[in-house]
Protein backbone atom coordinates (compact mmCIF):
# COMPACT_ATOMS: atom_id res chain seq x y z
CA UNK A 1 126.95 47.94 97.88
CA UNK A 2 127.15 49.71 101.25
CA UNK A 3 130.27 49.89 103.42
CA UNK A 4 129.40 50.46 107.07
CA UNK A 5 130.74 49.39 110.48
CA UNK A 6 127.60 48.67 112.60
CA UNK A 7 128.27 49.36 116.39
CA UNK A 8 126.23 49.33 119.49
CA UNK A 9 123.73 46.69 118.57
CA UNK A 10 123.21 43.44 120.33
CA UNK A 11 124.38 40.75 117.91
CA UNK A 12 122.98 37.23 117.43
CA UNK A 13 126.01 34.91 117.04
CA UNK A 14 125.83 31.04 116.72
CA UNK A 15 126.42 30.96 120.56
CA UNK A 16 123.80 33.60 121.46
CA UNK A 17 123.87 37.42 121.96
CA UNK A 18 127.06 39.30 121.92
CA UNK A 19 128.26 42.87 122.08
CA UNK A 20 130.45 43.26 119.04
CA UNK A 21 130.82 45.38 115.92
CA UNK A 22 129.93 44.08 112.34
CA UNK A 23 131.46 45.50 109.25
CA UNK A 24 129.70 45.23 105.90
CA UNK A 25 132.07 45.66 102.77
CA UNK A 26 131.87 44.27 99.29
CA UNK A 27 128.80 42.32 100.04
CA UNK A 28 130.59 40.46 102.86
CA UNK A 29 130.69 40.63 106.54
CA UNK A 30 134.03 41.50 108.15
CA UNK A 31 135.63 43.29 111.08
CA UNK A 32 137.64 46.09 109.44
CA UNK A 33 137.28 49.89 109.52
CA UNK A 34 134.41 51.68 107.86
CA UNK A 35 131.92 54.49 108.49
CA UNK A 36 130.20 53.64 111.63
CA UNK A 37 126.38 53.45 112.23
CA UNK A 38 125.42 53.63 115.84
CA UNK A 39 122.75 50.94 116.36
CA UNK A 40 122.41 51.30 119.97
CA UNK A 41 119.06 49.94 121.22
CA UNK A 42 118.73 47.69 118.28
CA UNK A 43 119.55 44.08 117.56
CA UNK A 44 121.32 42.56 114.59
CA UNK A 45 120.40 39.06 113.37
CA UNK A 46 121.35 36.83 110.33
CA UNK A 47 118.90 37.28 107.52
CA UNK A 48 116.20 34.70 107.05
CA UNK A 49 116.66 31.94 104.61
CA UNK A 50 113.28 30.59 103.48
CA UNK A 51 113.48 26.97 102.20
CA UNK A 52 109.90 26.81 100.88
CA UNK A 53 107.43 29.62 100.22
CA UNK A 54 104.60 30.11 97.69
CA UNK A 55 103.27 33.36 98.90
CA UNK A 56 104.31 34.97 95.60
CA UNK A 57 101.27 33.60 93.79
CA UNK A 58 99.10 36.56 94.89
CA UNK A 59 101.51 39.03 93.37
CA UNK A 60 101.85 37.05 90.11
CA UNK A 61 98.10 36.57 89.61
CA UNK A 62 96.18 38.87 91.87
CA UNK A 63 92.86 37.63 90.48
CA UNK A 64 92.35 34.51 88.60
CA UNK A 65 91.35 35.04 84.92
CA UNK A 66 91.38 38.83 85.33
CA UNK A 67 94.99 40.05 85.93
CA UNK A 68 98.41 38.77 85.59
CA UNK A 69 101.35 40.82 86.65
CA UNK A 70 104.38 38.76 85.95
CA UNK A 71 107.60 40.80 86.16
CA UNK A 72 106.01 43.65 88.11
CA UNK A 73 104.52 41.02 90.51
CA UNK A 74 108.00 39.31 90.96
CA UNK A 75 109.46 42.68 91.91
CA UNK A 76 106.66 43.15 94.45
CA UNK A 77 107.36 39.67 95.86
CA UNK A 78 111.13 40.77 96.29
CA UNK A 79 110.02 43.76 98.26
CA UNK A 80 107.55 41.86 100.50
CA UNK A 81 110.27 39.21 101.25
CA UNK A 82 112.82 41.94 102.23
CA UNK A 83 110.22 43.66 104.60
CA UNK A 84 109.70 40.21 106.28
CA UNK A 85 113.53 39.74 106.80
CA UNK A 86 113.84 37.08 104.10
CA UNK A 87 117.21 37.54 102.45
CA UNK A 88 117.20 34.20 100.61
CA UNK A 89 113.85 32.85 99.25
CA UNK A 90 113.21 29.61 97.63
CA UNK A 91 110.11 30.24 95.43
CA UNK A 92 108.14 26.97 95.66
CA UNK A 93 106.22 26.48 92.48
CA UNK A 94 103.94 23.61 91.60
CA UNK A 95 104.39 21.50 88.51
CA UNK A 96 100.92 19.81 88.48
CA UNK A 97 98.24 18.03 86.61
CA UNK A 98 95.95 20.50 88.73
CA UNK A 99 96.52 23.13 86.13
CA UNK A 100 95.97 26.91 86.47
CA UNK A 101 98.44 28.46 88.85
CA UNK A 102 99.65 24.93 89.55
CA UNK A 103 100.28 23.96 85.99
CA UNK A 104 103.39 23.86 83.95
CA UNK A 105 102.59 26.91 81.77
CA UNK A 106 102.13 29.11 84.93
CA UNK A 107 105.29 27.46 86.37
CA UNK A 108 107.40 28.61 83.48
CA UNK A 109 105.98 32.15 83.62
CA UNK A 110 107.28 32.06 87.29
CA UNK A 111 110.62 30.73 86.43
CA UNK A 112 111.14 33.08 83.60
CA UNK A 113 110.03 36.12 85.67
CA UNK A 114 112.29 35.20 88.55
CA UNK A 115 115.21 34.72 86.28
CA UNK A 116 114.69 38.12 84.76
CA UNK A 117 114.08 39.98 88.12
CA UNK A 118 116.57 38.17 90.41
CA UNK A 119 119.69 40.11 89.14
CA UNK A 120 118.09 43.49 89.88
CA UNK A 121 116.92 42.97 93.59
CA UNK A 122 119.00 42.42 96.76
CA UNK A 123 117.07 39.42 97.86
CA UNK A 124 118.50 36.23 96.54
CA UNK A 125 115.60 34.63 94.62
CA UNK A 126 115.89 30.88 93.98
CA UNK A 127 113.55 28.21 92.58
CA UNK A 128 111.95 25.12 93.77
CA UNK A 129 109.88 22.88 91.56
CA UNK A 130 107.06 20.91 93.24
CA UNK A 131 106.48 17.95 90.94
CA UNK A 132 103.34 15.90 91.31
CA UNK A 133 104.35 12.27 91.29
CA UNK A 134 101.59 10.91 89.06
CA UNK A 135 102.15 13.58 86.36
CA UNK A 136 104.24 11.15 84.32
CA UNK A 137 103.57 12.68 80.93
CA UNK A 138 105.03 16.01 82.11
CA UNK A 139 108.28 14.56 83.52
CA UNK A 140 110.29 15.21 80.41
CA UNK A 141 109.14 18.79 80.28
CA UNK A 142 109.82 19.45 83.93
CA UNK A 143 113.35 18.07 83.58
CA UNK A 144 113.94 20.43 80.73
CA UNK A 145 112.85 23.36 82.94
CA UNK A 146 114.98 22.27 85.73
CA UNK A 147 118.00 22.28 83.46
CA UNK A 148 117.08 25.55 81.56
CA UNK A 149 116.38 27.57 84.86
CA UNK A 150 119.10 25.94 87.01
CA UNK A 151 116.50 24.77 89.52
CA UNK A 152 118.52 23.20 92.50
CA UNK A 153 115.71 21.97 94.60
CA UNK A 154 112.92 19.56 93.45
CA UNK A 155 110.15 18.39 95.88
CA UNK A 156 107.69 15.54 95.21
CA UNK A 157 103.96 15.81 95.92
CA UNK A 158 100.89 13.69 95.46
CA UNK A 159 97.55 15.61 95.63
CA UNK A 160 95.39 12.92 94.11
CA UNK A 161 92.42 11.96 96.22
CA UNK A 162 93.32 8.36 95.81
CA UNK A 163 90.84 6.95 98.45
CA UNK A 164 87.83 8.62 96.85
CA UNK A 165 88.97 7.70 93.39
CA UNK A 166 89.48 4.00 94.21
CA UNK A 167 85.92 3.98 95.65
CA UNK A 168 84.49 5.55 92.50
CA UNK A 169 83.43 8.62 94.43
CA UNK A 170 83.68 12.16 93.42
CA UNK A 171 86.51 14.15 95.00
CA UNK A 172 85.53 16.97 97.39
CA UNK A 173 85.48 20.41 95.93
CA UNK A 174 85.65 19.06 92.46
CA UNK A 175 83.90 21.97 90.83
CA UNK A 176 86.12 24.60 92.44
CA UNK A 177 89.17 22.73 91.55
CA UNK A 178 88.17 22.25 88.06
CA UNK A 179 87.37 26.08 87.59
CA UNK A 180 90.84 26.78 88.83
CA UNK A 181 92.22 24.50 86.25
CA UNK A 182 90.31 25.86 83.37
CA UNK A 183 88.57 22.50 82.79
CA UNK A 184 84.96 21.31 83.10
CA UNK A 185 84.37 19.17 86.22
CA UNK A 186 83.73 16.06 84.02
CA UNK A 187 87.16 16.63 82.35
CA UNK A 188 88.96 17.29 85.54
CA UNK A 189 87.66 14.11 87.07
CA UNK A 190 88.53 12.01 84.02
CA UNK A 191 92.15 13.36 84.20
CA UNK A 192 92.41 12.47 87.97
CA UNK A 193 91.04 8.99 87.43
CA UNK A 194 93.37 8.33 84.60
CA UNK A 195 96.29 9.46 86.55
CA UNK A 196 95.18 7.28 89.47
CA UNK A 197 94.68 4.20 87.40
CA UNK A 198 98.19 4.56 86.13
CA UNK A 199 99.70 4.44 89.61
CA UNK A 200 101.59 1.14 88.93
CA UNK A 201 103.89 2.96 86.53
CA UNK A 202 104.71 5.62 89.08
CA UNK A 203 107.46 4.03 91.14
CA UNK A 204 109.74 3.00 88.28
CA UNK A 205 109.38 6.41 86.78
CA UNK A 206 110.22 8.10 89.97
CA UNK A 207 113.24 5.87 90.49
CA UNK A 208 114.64 6.74 87.12
CA UNK A 209 113.91 10.44 87.46
CA UNK A 210 115.52 10.73 90.95
CA UNK A 211 118.57 8.99 89.77
CA UNK A 212 119.07 11.36 86.96
CA UNK A 213 118.42 14.52 89.22
CA UNK A 214 120.79 13.20 91.92
CA UNK A 215 123.41 12.75 89.32
CA UNK A 216 123.04 16.47 88.67
CA UNK A 217 123.43 17.39 92.28
CA UNK A 218 119.79 18.59 92.62
CA UNK A 219 118.53 18.43 96.24
CA UNK A 220 115.34 16.49 96.47
CA UNK A 221 112.52 16.50 99.17
CA UNK A 222 109.31 14.61 99.96
CA UNK A 223 106.28 16.43 100.93
CA UNK A 224 103.69 15.48 103.64
CA UNK A 225 105.38 12.12 104.77
CA UNK A 226 102.88 10.22 106.93
CA UNK A 227 104.83 7.01 107.77
CA UNK A 228 108.40 5.84 108.26
CA UNK A 229 107.86 3.40 105.48
CA UNK A 230 107.08 6.15 103.02
CA UNK A 231 110.23 8.07 104.17
CA UNK A 232 112.21 4.92 103.60
CA UNK A 233 110.99 4.72 100.08
CA UNK A 234 112.16 8.22 99.23
CA UNK A 235 115.30 7.75 101.10
CA UNK A 236 116.15 4.94 98.76
CA UNK A 237 115.77 7.29 95.86
CA UNK A 238 118.12 9.76 97.26
CA UNK A 239 115.31 12.14 98.39
CA UNK A 240 116.82 13.36 101.63
CA UNK A 241 114.64 16.39 102.81
CA UNK A 242 111.33 15.71 104.58
CA UNK A 243 109.14 18.70 104.05
CA UNK A 244 106.04 19.14 106.56
CA UNK A 245 105.89 15.55 107.68
CA UNK A 246 102.33 15.01 108.86
CA UNK A 247 103.16 12.59 111.74
CA UNK A 248 105.56 12.41 114.64
CA UNK A 249 106.68 8.97 113.53
CA UNK A 250 107.55 10.11 109.92
CA UNK A 251 109.53 13.06 111.47
CA UNK A 252 111.38 10.87 113.89
CA UNK A 253 112.22 8.48 111.03
CA UNK A 254 113.89 11.32 109.06
CA UNK A 255 115.67 12.57 112.27
CA UNK A 256 116.93 8.97 112.90
CA UNK A 257 118.51 8.94 109.48
CA UNK A 258 119.97 12.48 109.84
CA UNK A 259 117.83 13.78 107.11
CA UNK A 260 116.72 17.50 107.27
CA UNK A 261 113.09 18.16 108.36
CA UNK A 262 111.39 21.36 107.12
CA UNK A 263 108.37 22.53 109.03
CA UNK A 264 105.82 25.26 108.39
CA UNK A 265 106.26 28.54 110.23
CA UNK A 266 102.59 29.33 110.07
CA UNK A 267 101.83 26.15 111.83
CA UNK A 268 103.90 27.37 114.76
CA UNK A 269 102.38 30.78 114.79
CA UNK A 270 98.76 29.52 114.81
CA UNK A 271 99.47 26.73 117.19
CA UNK A 272 98.32 23.90 115.00
CA UNK A 273 98.20 22.44 111.44
CA UNK A 274 95.41 23.87 109.30
CA UNK A 275 94.88 20.23 107.98
CA UNK A 276 94.76 18.58 111.35
CA UNK A 277 98.19 17.04 111.24
CA UNK A 278 100.76 17.12 114.01
CA UNK A 279 101.62 20.51 115.41
CA UNK A 280 104.86 21.88 114.32
CA UNK A 281 105.56 22.84 117.95
CA UNK A 282 105.33 19.30 119.00
CA UNK A 283 107.83 18.27 116.35
CA UNK A 284 110.28 21.01 117.55
CA UNK A 285 109.92 20.02 121.21
CA UNK A 286 110.72 16.49 120.04
CA UNK A 287 113.99 17.83 118.17
CA UNK A 288 112.60 17.00 114.79
CA UNK A 289 113.08 20.29 112.95
CA UNK A 290 115.92 21.73 111.02
CA UNK A 291 114.09 24.66 109.41
CA UNK A 292 111.04 26.65 109.55
CA UNK A 293 109.61 27.73 106.16
CA UNK A 294 107.18 30.54 105.27
CA UNK A 295 105.01 28.02 103.32
CA UNK A 296 102.09 30.59 102.28
CA UNK A 297 102.91 33.43 104.61
CA UNK A 298 106.11 35.45 104.44
CA UNK A 299 105.80 37.30 107.73
CA UNK A 300 105.68 33.87 109.66
CA UNK A 301 109.30 32.75 109.89
CA UNK A 302 110.38 35.59 112.07
CA UNK A 303 107.20 35.36 114.24
CA UNK A 304 107.59 31.71 114.51
CA UNK A 305 111.19 31.76 115.74
CA UNK A 306 110.12 34.14 118.45
CA UNK A 307 107.02 31.92 119.23
CA UNK A 308 109.35 29.06 119.83
CA UNK A 309 111.16 31.18 122.50
CA UNK A 310 107.80 32.30 124.06
CA UNK A 311 106.65 28.61 124.27
CA UNK A 312 110.10 27.87 125.90
CA UNK A 313 110.85 25.31 123.19
CA UNK A 314 114.15 26.71 122.39
CA UNK A 315 116.43 29.51 123.47
CA UNK A 316 116.73 32.57 121.30
CA UNK A 317 119.99 31.34 119.37
CA UNK A 318 118.48 28.07 118.70
CA UNK A 319 115.08 29.32 117.54
CA UNK A 320 116.74 31.86 115.12
CA UNK A 321 118.88 28.99 113.64
CA UNK A 322 115.67 27.45 112.51
CA UNK A 323 115.25 30.37 110.11
CA UNK A 324 118.65 31.14 109.20
CA UNK A 325 121.58 28.71 109.61
CA UNK A 326 119.33 25.48 109.53
CA UNK A 327 117.66 26.24 106.17
CA UNK A 328 121.00 27.48 104.72
CA UNK A 329 122.72 24.20 105.54
CA UNK A 330 120.00 21.85 104.25
CA UNK A 331 120.10 23.97 100.93
CA UNK A 332 123.98 23.77 100.79
CA UNK A 333 124.34 27.53 101.12
CA UNK A 334 127.50 27.56 103.42
CA UNK A 335 128.02 31.17 102.76
CA UNK A 336 125.16 32.60 104.85
CA UNK A 337 122.84 31.93 107.80
CA UNK A 338 125.34 33.20 110.35
CA UNK A 339 126.91 36.44 111.37
CA UNK A 340 130.57 35.68 110.83
CA UNK A 341 133.49 37.35 108.92
CA UNK A 342 133.66 36.39 105.29
CA UNK A 343 130.12 35.24 104.95
CA UNK A 344 127.52 36.92 102.64
CA UNK A 345 126.20 40.16 104.19
CA UNK A 346 122.64 39.23 105.08
CA UNK A 347 121.48 41.10 108.12
CA UNK A 348 118.35 42.19 109.96
CA UNK A 349 118.01 45.17 112.19
CA UNK A 350 115.23 44.75 114.76
CA UNK A 351 113.82 46.96 117.38
CA UNK A 352 114.88 45.74 120.68
CA UNK A 353 111.45 46.09 122.53
CA UNK A 354 109.08 45.02 119.71
CA UNK A 355 111.30 42.85 117.47
CA UNK A 356 109.88 44.72 114.52
CA UNK A 357 112.20 44.51 111.44
CA UNK A 358 113.27 47.92 110.52
CA UNK A 359 116.19 47.37 108.33
CA UNK A 360 117.44 44.57 106.01
CA UNK A 361 120.68 44.19 104.35
CA UNK A 362 120.81 41.40 101.64
CA UNK A 363 124.18 40.72 100.01
CA UNK A 364 125.64 43.94 101.14
CA UNK A 365 122.77 46.01 99.71
CA UNK A 366 119.93 47.85 101.51
CA UNK A 367 116.88 45.75 100.74
CA UNK A 368 114.57 47.34 103.33
CA UNK A 369 114.66 50.33 105.74
CA UNK A 370 112.15 52.15 107.52
CA UNK A 371 111.63 54.66 110.43
CA UNK A 372 114.24 56.15 112.72
CA UNK A 373 117.02 53.64 111.96
CA UNK A 374 117.22 54.97 108.41
CA UNK A 375 118.39 58.24 109.88
CA UNK A 376 121.26 56.60 111.64
CA UNK A 377 122.48 55.05 108.30
CA UNK A 378 122.24 58.43 106.54
CA UNK A 379 124.26 60.45 109.06
């Protein structure tokens, strides 16, 4: 743990920029005396809380079938997160019939690795399980993993190509997806068909599962909501978070019910959804966003926040809340997301002119530091 009094920086408070000193001691933020570090010319912001990110996959399995770097890969994930300003990371791992890197076996490798590495790195690594709604035969195993690894956030997905399957047509990219799963195209298609045909069993199974998870205090979210009606079905199950809604109507339905909405930061950066859905910027302009998540690209949250400012969607304080206080609140993490005395010491130091992240403190520990600012801490 470091003990420093950071002075001279412009500090992002919940109300906006302020000229104030910030003390880091015993892993917390305070205002007492300590060895001073002059950060004149730099800005100090709350650490980024990433509510949903799967960019860790390339570190865990750099090349499919050729190399797996489990624990070393997770260590590298922590370093990348820190360099991108992410001090709390929700690792979003599939639990899916799709197999391969989305299957239960790989998921349990990720959960085990994160559990082993998390105590040794400053970044707070947390787990999200992304459960396929029609993968009924694996619900019991998924619940056991949730309990064993203390997973506090479960999101429900449905990636079955129902329209094509109902028409008796082969799904697009069947061969490539089958190869990723380790199955033949014929076996993969047979599995998808069987899951699709058992769809009538899904609602009752989900009702029961969600009731059990809710009783345990697990936060639950739906993924890719398209209609207000679909959001209402999830709401009735206690599934309160709407992740990456695909239409304005679905996002507005969540907002009207005071339910948190998570959008993809890469969508903001690129200016559109890669799948052709509603643009995140449009939802932000409509007041339908509580958190911007990295999704598949860890550098995006910081860039997306500033992009919101450049597009004049939000002022700087409101934009940064979408990557700090907003996601912290929806995850129930009331001890972070803001620069206030007593909270967890999660801080970014950025260069004033370029907004480059040059230092990161996570839980009172140095997680990343580069360039000239390192010399100021070492004086």
